[in-house]
Amino acid sequence: MSSNLHEWFRNSDHLLLWGSLQKELHFENGLDTETSREENNMNKTTNNTFAGCTIVATEKLANFTRDGINAKIISLGATPGSSVTKKTNYLICCEKTGSKLAKAEQLGVTVLTEQQFLDMLPA
């Protein structure tokens, strides 16, 4: 069962689906759930620069696989993108990036190195 779960989450389409489903799931923990939900949502947005953003990452990153970076982006409440558009908020790239970097610069998209991205993650 464990290997099936790991295999399912390796698929980037499944990660996008999971991200959408997480927005619809609400777990109760015995506390006033409406208050808890509001507090969690407030903490997500106040402590997280990336919430609600569209983030594109290049393929070659030192600390992440393609699926790994997309899962991280989704966990931040952001949307992973595959190409840079005017709706892109951030591009995470390595030093040797071609057309995505050029497009981001042309559109005025904020470009981050992988280390800058990691430094901006909420604690």
N, C-alpha and C. Protein backbone atom coordinates (compact mmCIF):
# COMPACT_ATOMS: atom_id res chain seq x y z
N MET A 1 0.83 -1.18 0.00
CA MET A 1 0.00 0.00 0.00
C MET A 1 0.88 1.26 0.00
N SER A 2 1.92 1.23 0.80
CA SER A 2 2.82 2.38 0.88
C SER A 2 3.44 2.70 -0.47
N SER A 3 3.89 1.68 -1.17
CA SER A 3 4.51 1.93 -2.47
C SER A 3 3.48 2.46 -3.48
N ASN A 4 2.23 2.01 -3.37
CA ASN A 4 1.18 2.54 -4.24
C ASN A 4 0.96 4.02 -4.01
N LEU A 5 0.97 4.42 -2.74
CA LEU A 5 0.81 5.84 -2.41
C LEU A 5 1.98 6.66 -2.96
N HIS A 6 3.18 6.16 -2.75
CA HIS A 6 4.35 6.87 -3.25
C HIS A 6 4.30 7.00 -4.77
N GLU A 7 3.91 5.94 -5.44
CA GLU A 7 3.82 5.96 -6.90
C GLU A 7 2.77 6.97 -7.36
N TRP A 8 1.62 7.01 -6.68
CA TRP A 8 0.56 7.94 -7.05
C TRP A 8 1.03 9.38 -6.92
N PHE A 9 1.74 9.71 -5.84
CA PHE A 9 2.18 11.08 -5.61
C PHE A 9 3.37 11.48 -6.49
N ARG A 10 4.01 10.54 -7.16
CA ARG A 10 5.09 10.89 -8.09
C ARG A 10 4.56 11.50 -9.38
N ASN A 11 3.31 11.30 -9.67
CA ASN A 11 2.70 11.81 -10.90
C ASN A 11 2.29 13.27 -10.68
N SER A 12 2.81 14.18 -11.50
CA SER A 12 2.53 15.61 -11.30
C SER A 12 1.05 15.95 -11.48
N ASP A 13 0.35 15.22 -12.35
CA ASP A 13 -1.10 15.45 -12.49
C ASP A 13 -1.84 15.10 -11.20
N HIS A 14 -1.38 14.03 -10.55
CA HIS A 14 -2.01 13.64 -9.29
C HIS A 14 -1.72 14.68 -8.21
N LEU A 15 -0.53 15.27 -8.22
CA LEU A 15 -0.21 16.31 -7.25
C LEU A 15 -1.11 17.53 -7.41
N LEU A 16 -1.38 17.90 -8.65
CA LEU A 16 -2.29 19.02 -8.89
C LEU A 16 -3.69 18.69 -8.40
N LEU A 17 -4.13 17.47 -8.66
CA LEU A 17 -5.44 17.03 -8.18
C LEU A 17 -5.47 17.05 -6.66
N TRP A 18 -4.44 16.54 -6.03
CA TRP A 18 -4.37 16.51 -4.56
C TRP A 18 -4.42 17.94 -4.00
N GLY A 19 -3.71 18.86 -4.64
CA GLY A 19 -3.75 20.25 -4.20
C GLY A 19 -5.16 20.81 -4.23
N SER A 20 -5.90 20.50 -5.28
CA SER A 20 -7.28 20.97 -5.38
C SER A 20 -8.17 20.32 -4.32
N LEU A 21 -7.95 19.03 -4.12
CA LEU A 21 -8.77 18.31 -3.13
C LEU A 21 -8.51 18.81 -1.71
N GLN A 22 -7.26 19.15 -1.40
CA GLN A 22 -6.95 19.63 -0.06
C GLN A 22 -7.71 20.89 0.30
N LYS A 23 -8.00 21.71 -0.69
CA LYS A 23 -8.75 22.93 -0.44
C LYS A 23 -10.19 22.63 -0.04
N GLU A 24 -10.68 21.45 -0.41
CA GLU A 24 -12.05 21.06 -0.12
C GLU A 24 -12.18 20.24 1.16
N LEU A 25 -11.09 19.69 1.66
CA LEU A 25 -11.13 18.84 2.85
C LEU A 25 -11.03 19.68 4.12
N HIS A 26 -11.80 19.32 5.10
CA HIS A 26 -11.76 20.00 6.39
C HIS A 26 -11.77 18.93 7.48
N PHE A 27 -10.72 18.91 8.29
CA PHE A 27 -10.61 17.93 9.36
C PHE A 27 -10.98 18.58 10.68
N GLU A 28 -11.77 17.89 11.46
CA GLU A 28 -12.16 18.40 12.76
C GLU A 28 -11.23 17.80 13.80
N ASN A 29 -10.82 18.62 14.76
CA ASN A 29 -9.92 18.14 15.80
C ASN A 29 -10.49 18.32 17.19
N GLY A 30 -11.79 18.49 17.29
CA GLY A 30 -12.41 18.64 18.59
C GLY A 30 -12.52 20.08 19.06
N LEU A 31 -11.80 20.99 18.44
CA LEU A 31 -11.90 22.41 18.78
C LEU A 31 -13.04 23.01 17.98
N ASP A 32 -13.34 24.22 18.25
CA ASP A 32 -14.32 24.95 17.45
C ASP A 32 -13.77 25.00 16.03
N THR A 33 -14.31 24.16 15.13
CA THR A 33 -13.71 23.98 13.81
C THR A 33 -13.75 25.24 12.97
N GLU A 34 -14.79 26.03 13.08
CA GLU A 34 -14.85 27.26 12.28
C GLU A 34 -13.75 28.21 12.70
N THR A 35 -13.54 28.37 14.00
CA THR A 35 -12.47 29.23 14.50
C THR A 35 -11.11 28.67 14.11
N SER A 36 -10.93 27.36 14.24
CA SER A 36 -9.65 26.73 13.88
C SER A 36 -9.35 26.93 12.40
N ARG A 37 -10.36 26.76 11.56
CA ARG A 37 -10.19 26.94 10.13
C ARG A 37 -9.76 28.36 9.80
N GLU A 38 -10.43 29.32 10.41
CA GLU A 38 -10.10 30.73 10.17
C GLU A 38 -8.68 31.03 10.63
N GLU A 39 -8.29 30.51 11.79
CA GLU A 39 -6.94 30.74 12.29
C GLU A 39 -5.90 30.10 11.37
N ASN A 40 -6.17 28.87 10.91
CA ASN A 40 -5.23 28.20 10.00
C ASN A 40 -5.09 28.97 8.70
N ASN A 41 -6.21 29.41 8.14
CA ASN A 41 -6.15 30.18 6.89
C ASN A 41 -5.41 31.48 7.09
N MET A 42 -5.64 32.14 8.23
CA MET A 42 -4.95 33.39 8.51
C MET A 42 -3.45 33.15 8.65
N ASN A 43 -3.06 32.09 9.35
CA ASN A 43 -1.64 31.77 9.51
C ASN A 43 -1.00 31.44 8.17
N LYS A 44 -1.71 30.73 7.31
CA LYS A 44 -1.16 30.38 6.00
C LYS A 44 -0.85 31.63 5.19
N THR A 45 -1.74 32.59 5.21
CA THR A 45 -1.53 33.77 4.36
C THR A 45 -0.62 34.80 4.99
N THR A 46 -0.62 34.93 6.31
CA THR A 46 0.22 35.94 6.92
C THR A 46 1.68 35.50 7.03
N ASN A 47 1.92 34.21 7.13
CA ASN A 47 3.28 33.71 7.28
C ASN A 47 3.84 33.17 5.96
N ASN A 48 3.12 33.33 4.89
CA ASN A 48 3.50 32.67 3.64
C ASN A 48 3.41 33.65 2.47
N THR A 49 4.53 34.03 1.97
CA THR A 49 4.60 34.95 0.83
C THR A 49 3.98 34.35 -0.42
N PHE A 50 3.99 33.03 -0.54
CA PHE A 50 3.62 32.37 -1.78
C PHE A 50 2.14 31.98 -1.89
N ALA A 51 1.37 32.11 -0.82
CA ALA A 51 -0.04 31.71 -0.85
C ALA A 51 -0.79 32.46 -1.94
N GLY A 52 -1.51 31.71 -2.77
CA GLY A 52 -2.30 32.30 -3.83
C GLY A 52 -1.53 32.66 -5.09
N CYS A 53 -0.24 32.41 -5.10
CA CYS A 53 0.60 32.77 -6.25
C CYS A 53 0.71 31.62 -7.24
N THR A 54 1.15 31.95 -8.43
CA THR A 54 1.51 30.95 -9.42
C THR A 54 3.03 30.95 -9.52
N ILE A 55 3.62 29.78 -9.34
CA ILE A 55 5.07 29.64 -9.31
C ILE A 55 5.51 28.63 -10.36
N VAL A 56 6.46 29.04 -11.18
CA VAL A 56 7.05 28.16 -12.18
C VAL A 56 8.47 27.84 -11.73
N ALA A 57 8.85 26.58 -11.84
CA ALA A 57 10.21 26.17 -11.50
C ALA A 57 10.84 25.49 -12.70
N THR A 58 12.13 25.75 -12.88
CA THR A 58 12.84 25.08 -13.97
C THR A 58 13.09 23.63 -13.59
N GLU A 59 13.43 22.82 -14.56
CA GLU A 59 13.57 21.39 -14.34
C GLU A 59 14.77 21.03 -13.47
N LYS A 60 15.85 21.76 -13.58
CA LYS A 60 17.07 21.36 -12.89
C LYS A 60 17.29 22.19 -11.64
N LEU A 61 16.82 21.65 -10.51
CA LEU A 61 17.05 22.27 -9.21
C LEU A 61 17.85 21.29 -8.37
N ALA A 62 18.67 21.81 -7.48
CA ALA A 62 19.56 20.96 -6.69
C ALA A 62 18.82 20.17 -5.62
N ASN A 63 17.81 20.76 -5.00
CA ASN A 63 17.16 20.15 -3.84
C ASN A 63 15.81 19.51 -4.12
N PHE A 64 15.32 19.64 -5.34
CA PHE A 64 13.98 19.15 -5.64
C PHE A 64 13.96 18.43 -6.98
N THR A 65 13.11 17.41 -7.06
CA THR A 65 12.73 16.84 -8.35
C THR A 65 11.58 17.69 -8.88
N ARG A 66 11.16 17.45 -10.08
CA ARG A 66 10.02 18.17 -10.65
C ARG A 66 8.78 17.96 -9.77
N ASP A 67 8.50 16.70 -9.43
CA ASP A 67 7.34 16.41 -8.60
C ASP A 67 7.51 16.99 -7.20
N GLY A 68 8.72 16.97 -6.69
CA GLY A 68 8.99 17.49 -5.36
C GLY A 68 8.74 18.98 -5.25
N ILE A 69 9.20 19.75 -6.23
CA ILE A 69 9.00 21.20 -6.18
C ILE A 69 7.52 21.52 -6.36
N ASN A 70 6.84 20.76 -7.23
CA ASN A 70 5.41 21.00 -7.41
C ASN A 70 4.63 20.69 -6.14
N ALA A 71 5.01 19.63 -5.43
CA ALA A 71 4.35 19.29 -4.17
C ALA A 71 4.60 20.39 -3.14
N LYS A 72 5.81 20.92 -3.10
CA LYS A 72 6.14 21.99 -2.16
C LYS A 72 5.33 23.24 -2.47
N ILE A 73 5.23 23.58 -3.75
CA ILE A 73 4.46 24.76 -4.18
C ILE A 73 2.99 24.61 -3.76
N ILE A 74 2.43 23.44 -3.99
CA ILE A 74 1.04 23.18 -3.61
C ILE A 74 0.86 23.28 -2.10
N SER A 75 1.84 22.75 -1.34
CA SER A 75 1.73 22.78 0.12
C SER A 75 1.76 24.22 0.66
N LEU A 76 2.28 25.14 -0.13
CA LEU A 76 2.33 26.55 0.28
C LEU A 76 1.05 27.30 -0.09
N GLY A 77 0.10 26.58 -0.68
CA GLY A 77 -1.15 27.24 -1.09
C GLY A 77 -0.99 27.97 -2.40
N ALA A 78 0.02 27.61 -3.16
CA ALA A 78 0.28 28.23 -4.46
C ALA A 78 -0.02 27.22 -5.57
N THR A 79 0.02 27.71 -6.80
CA THR A 79 -0.23 26.87 -7.96
C THR A 79 1.05 26.71 -8.76
N PRO A 80 1.46 25.47 -9.02
CA PRO A 80 2.64 25.28 -9.86
C PRO A 80 2.28 25.50 -11.33
N GLY A 81 3.16 26.18 -12.04
CA GLY A 81 2.96 26.39 -13.46
C GLY A 81 4.03 25.68 -14.25
N SER A 82 3.78 25.44 -15.52
CA SER A 82 4.78 24.77 -16.35
C SER A 82 5.48 25.74 -17.29
N SER A 83 4.86 26.87 -17.55
CA SER A 83 5.50 27.87 -18.41
C SER A 83 5.23 29.26 -17.83
N VAL A 84 6.11 30.18 -18.13
CA VAL A 84 6.00 31.54 -17.63
C VAL A 84 4.98 32.31 -18.47
N THR A 85 4.00 32.91 -17.78
CA THR A 85 2.99 33.74 -18.44
C THR A 85 2.83 35.02 -17.63
N LYS A 86 1.94 35.88 -18.08
CA LYS A 86 1.70 37.12 -17.33
C LYS A 86 1.06 36.86 -15.98
N LYS A 87 0.51 35.66 -15.77
CA LYS A 87 -0.08 35.30 -14.49
C LYS A 87 0.94 34.71 -13.51
N THR A 88 2.15 34.48 -13.96
CA THR A 88 3.20 33.91 -13.12
C THR A 88 3.69 34.97 -12.14
N ASN A 89 3.76 34.60 -10.86
CA ASN A 89 4.26 35.52 -9.84
C ASN A 89 5.76 35.33 -9.59
N TYR A 90 6.22 34.07 -9.62
CA TYR A 90 7.62 33.76 -9.33
C TYR A 90 8.15 32.70 -10.29
N LEU A 91 9.41 32.85 -10.65
CA LEU A 91 10.14 31.80 -11.36
C LEU A 91 11.29 31.38 -10.46
N ILE A 92 11.37 30.09 -10.16
CA ILE A 92 12.48 29.54 -9.40
C ILE A 92 13.38 28.85 -10.42
N CYS A 93 14.63 29.29 -10.48
CA CYS A 93 15.49 28.72 -11.52
C CYS A 93 16.91 28.49 -11.04
N CYS A 94 17.59 27.64 -11.78
CA CYS A 94 19.00 27.42 -11.56
C CYS A 94 19.76 28.45 -12.40
N GLU A 95 21.07 28.41 -12.33
CA GLU A 95 21.88 29.41 -13.02
C GLU A 95 21.77 29.31 -14.55
N LYS A 96 21.69 28.09 -15.06
CA LYS A 96 21.68 27.91 -16.51
C LYS A 96 20.26 27.67 -17.01
N THR A 97 19.52 28.73 -17.07
CA THR A 97 18.13 28.66 -17.51
C THR A 97 17.99 29.46 -18.79
N GLY A 98 17.24 28.96 -19.73
CA GLY A 98 17.13 29.61 -21.02
C GLY A 98 15.88 30.43 -21.20
N SER A 99 14.93 29.89 -21.94
CA SER A 99 13.76 30.65 -22.38
C SER A 99 12.85 31.07 -21.23
N LYS A 100 12.74 30.26 -20.20
CA LYS A 100 11.86 30.64 -19.08
C LYS A 100 12.38 31.90 -18.39
N LEU A 101 13.68 31.99 -18.21
CA LEU A 101 14.27 33.16 -17.57
C LEU A 101 14.07 34.39 -18.46
N ALA A 102 14.31 34.24 -19.74
CA ALA A 102 14.13 35.36 -20.67
C ALA A 102 12.68 35.85 -20.66
N LYS A 103 11.75 34.92 -20.66
CA LYS A 103 10.32 35.28 -20.65
C LYS A 103 9.95 35.97 -19.34
N ALA A 104 10.47 35.46 -18.21
CA ALA A 104 10.18 36.07 -16.91
C ALA A 104 10.70 37.49 -16.86
N GLU A 105 11.91 37.71 -17.36
CA GLU A 105 12.48 39.06 -17.36
C GLU A 105 11.67 39.98 -18.25
N GLN A 106 11.23 39.48 -19.38
CA GLN A 106 10.41 40.26 -20.31
C GLN A 106 9.09 40.68 -19.67
N LEU A 107 8.49 39.79 -18.87
CA LEU A 107 7.18 40.06 -18.26
C LEU A 107 7.28 40.70 -16.88
N GLY A 108 8.49 40.87 -16.37
CA GLY A 108 8.66 41.48 -15.05
C GLY A 108 8.32 40.54 -13.90
N VAL A 109 8.44 39.23 -14.14
CA VAL A 109 8.17 38.22 -13.11
C VAL A 109 9.36 38.18 -12.15
N THR A 110 9.07 38.05 -10.87
CA THR A 110 10.12 37.95 -9.86
C THR A 110 10.86 36.63 -10.05
N VAL A 111 12.18 36.71 -10.20
CA VAL A 111 13.02 35.53 -10.40
C VAL A 111 13.77 35.24 -9.11
N LEU A 112 13.67 33.99 -8.66
CA LEU A 112 14.35 33.56 -7.44
C LEU A 112 15.30 32.42 -7.75
N THR A 113 16.44 32.44 -7.09
CA THR A 113 17.28 31.24 -7.11
C THR A 113 16.61 30.23 -6.19
N GLU A 114 17.04 29.00 -6.29
CA GLU A 114 16.49 27.98 -5.41
C GLU A 114 16.76 28.33 -3.95
N GLN A 115 17.93 28.86 -3.65
CA GLN A 115 18.26 29.22 -2.27
C GLN A 115 17.39 30.38 -1.78
N GLN A 116 17.13 31.36 -2.63
CA GLN A 116 16.25 32.46 -2.24
C GLN A 116 14.85 31.94 -1.92
N PHE A 117 14.36 31.01 -2.73
CA PHE A 117 13.06 30.39 -2.49
C PHE A 117 13.06 29.70 -1.14
N LEU A 118 14.09 28.89 -0.87
CA LEU A 118 14.17 28.17 0.40
C LEU A 118 14.23 29.14 1.58
N ASP A 119 14.95 30.24 1.43
CA ASP A 119 15.06 31.23 2.50
C ASP A 119 13.73 31.92 2.78
N MET A 120 12.85 31.99 1.80
CA MET A 120 11.56 32.66 1.95
C MET A 120 10.46 31.75 2.50
N LEU A 121 10.73 30.45 2.62
CA LEU A 121 9.71 29.52 3.10
C LEU A 121 9.35 29.84 4.54
N PRO A 122 8.06 29.69 4.88
CA PRO A 122 7.65 29.94 6.26
C PRO A 122 8.30 28.92 7.20
N ALA A 123 8.58 29.36 8.40
CA ALA A 123 9.25 28.49 9.40
C ALA A 123 8.34 27.40 9.89
